[in-house]
Amino acid sequence: MSLQAETLRKVIENLIDAKLVDALAHSDGLNRLLAHRRTGVASPDIRNAEHRLDEALEQIISGAAVEQAA
């Protein structure tokens, strides 16, 4: 379980980093983050980080389902 927790922690940190970089790299960065929350439109880096988080969660959930079935 600790490997799964470590993986999840890393992908969450990666998403946070992507959002911080996006917010700090542009003069209207906070507005960009707010717009992303409202519309779902984000920079490619944020979308990639979100995709990696989704993949990690799917792996963890599917692994838990297999363990419960056994």
C-alpha atoms as a PDB file:
ATOM      1  CA  MET A   1       0.000   0.000   0.000  1.00  0.00           C
ATOM      2  CA  SER A   2       2.864   2.416   0.661  1.00  0.00           C
ATOM      3  CA  LEU A   3       3.973   2.227  -2.993  1.00  0.00           C
ATOM      4  CA  GLN A   4       0.472   3.257  -4.068  1.00  0.00           C
ATOM      5  CA  ALA A   5       0.464   6.107  -1.549  1.00  0.00           C
ATOM      6  CA  GLU A   6       3.863   7.293  -2.792  1.00  0.00           C
ATOM      7  CA  THR A   7       2.709   7.185  -6.407  1.00  0.00           C
ATOM      8  CA  LEU A   8      -0.438   9.107  -5.569  1.00  0.00           C
ATOM      9  CA  ARG A   9       1.526  11.694  -3.582  1.00  0.00           C
ATOM     10  CA  LYS A  10       3.908  12.241  -6.513  1.00  0.00           C
ATOM     11  CA  VAL A  11       1.195  12.757  -9.114  1.00  0.00           C
ATOM     12  CA  ILE A  12      -0.698  15.133  -6.819  1.00  0.00           C
ATOM     13  CA  GLU A  13       2.486  17.132  -6.220  1.00  0.00           C
ATOM     14  CA  ASN A  14       3.076  17.203  -9.970  1.00  0.00           C
ATOM     15  CA  LEU A  15      -0.411  18.636 -10.537  1.00  0.00           C
ATOM     16  CA  ILE A  16       0.118  21.259  -7.829  1.00  0.00           C
ATOM     17  CA  ASP A  17       3.471  22.199  -9.359  1.00  0.00           C
ATOM     18  CA  ALA A  18       1.935  22.526 -12.827  1.00  0.00           C
ATOM     19  CA  LYS A  19      -0.780  24.817 -11.487  1.00  0.00           C
ATOM     20  CA  LEU A  20       1.701  26.929  -9.514  1.00  0.00           C
ATOM     21  CA  VAL A  21       3.996  27.341 -12.502  1.00  0.00           C
ATOM     22  CA  ASP A  22       1.047  28.318 -14.680  1.00  0.00           C
ATOM     23  CA  ALA A  23      -0.184  30.824 -12.082  1.00  0.00           C
ATOM     24  CA  LEU A  24       3.224  32.377 -11.515  1.00  0.00           C
ATOM     25  CA  ALA A  25       4.417  32.409 -15.125  1.00  0.00           C
ATOM     26  CA  HIS A  26       1.613  34.658 -16.365  1.00  0.00           C
ATOM     27  CA  SER A  27       0.560  38.072 -15.167  1.00  0.00           C
ATOM     28  CA  ASP A  28      -3.061  36.890 -15.105  1.00  0.00           C
ATOM     29  CA  GLY A  29      -2.200  33.521 -13.576  1.00  0.00           C
ATOM     30  CA  LEU A  30      -4.816  33.533 -10.835  1.00  0.00           C
ATOM     31  CA  ASN A  31      -7.515  34.375 -13.347  1.00  0.00           C
ATOM     32  CA  ARG A  32      -6.286  31.469 -15.490  1.00  0.00           C
ATOM     33  CA  LEU A  33      -6.652  29.078 -12.551  1.00  0.00           C
ATOM     34  CA  LEU A  34     -10.123  30.384 -11.769  1.00  0.00           C
ATOM     35  CA  ALA A  35     -11.127  30.048 -15.419  1.00  0.00           C
ATOM     36  CA  HIS A  36      -9.851  26.482 -15.411  1.00  0.00           C
ATOM     37  CA  ARG A  37     -12.041  25.640 -12.412  1.00  0.00           C
ATOM     38  CA  ARG A  38     -15.082  27.205 -14.097  1.00  0.00           C
ATOM     39  CA  THR A  39     -14.614  25.958 -17.647  1.00  0.00           C
ATOM     40  CA  GLY A  40     -12.194  23.042 -17.514  1.00  0.00           C
ATOM     41  CA  VAL A  41      -9.899  24.700 -20.065  1.00  0.00           C
ATOM     42  CA  ALA A  42      -6.284  24.510 -18.932  1.00  0.00           C
ATOM     43  CA  SER A  43      -2.740  24.639 -20.217  1.00  0.00           C
ATOM     44  CA  PRO A  44      -1.272  21.460 -21.706  1.00  0.00           C
ATOM     45  CA  ASP A  45       0.967  20.969 -18.664  1.00  0.00           C
ATOM     46  CA  ILE A  46      -2.006  21.039 -16.302  1.00  0.00           C
ATOM     47  CA  ARG A  47      -4.031  18.729 -18.558  1.00  0.00           C
ATOM     48  CA  ASN A  48      -1.120  16.264 -18.684  1.00  0.00           C
ATOM     49  CA  ALA A  49      -0.734  16.350 -14.901  1.00  0.00           C
ATOM     50  CA  GLU A  50      -4.470  15.763 -14.477  1.00  0.00           C
ATOM     51  CA  HIS A  51      -4.285  12.857 -16.912  1.00  0.00           C
ATOM     52  CA  ARG A  52      -1.420  11.274 -14.933  1.00  0.00           C
ATOM     53  CA  LEU A  53      -3.467  11.663 -11.730  1.00  0.00           C
ATOM     54  CA  ASP A  54      -6.463   9.994 -13.388  1.00  0.00           C
ATOM     55  CA  GLU A  55      -4.264   7.112 -14.554  1.00  0.00           C
ATOM     56  CA  ALA A  56      -2.743   6.633 -11.099  1.00  0.00           C
ATOM     57  CA  LEU A  57      -6.174   6.612  -9.469  1.00  0.00           C
ATOM     58  CA  GLU A  58      -7.471   4.080 -12.001  1.00  0.00           C
ATOM     59  CA  GLN A  59      -4.512   1.785 -11.311  1.00  0.00           C
ATOM     60  CA  ILE A  60      -4.972   2.051  -7.560  1.00  0.00           C
ATOM     61  CA  ILE A  61      -8.718   1.460  -7.749  1.00  0.00           C
ATOM     62  CA  SER A  62      -8.425  -1.456 -10.166  1.00  0.00           C
ATOM     63  CA  GLY A  63      -5.724  -2.993  -7.966  1.00  0.00           C
ATOM     64  CA  ALA A  64      -7.953  -2.635  -4.897  1.00  0.00           C
ATOM     65  CA  ALA A  65     -10.854  -4.264  -6.772  1.00  0.00           C
ATOM     66  CA  VAL A  66      -8.668  -7.224  -7.716  1.00  0.00           C
ATOM     67  CA  GLU A  67      -7.503  -7.614  -4.107  1.00  0.00           C
ATOM     68  CA  GLN A  68     -11.109  -7.567  -2.845  1.00  0.00           C
ATOM     69  CA  ALA A  69     -12.172 -10.165  -5.406  1.00  0.00           C
ATOM     70  CA  ALA A  70      -9.400 -12.525  -4.329  1.00  0.00           C
END
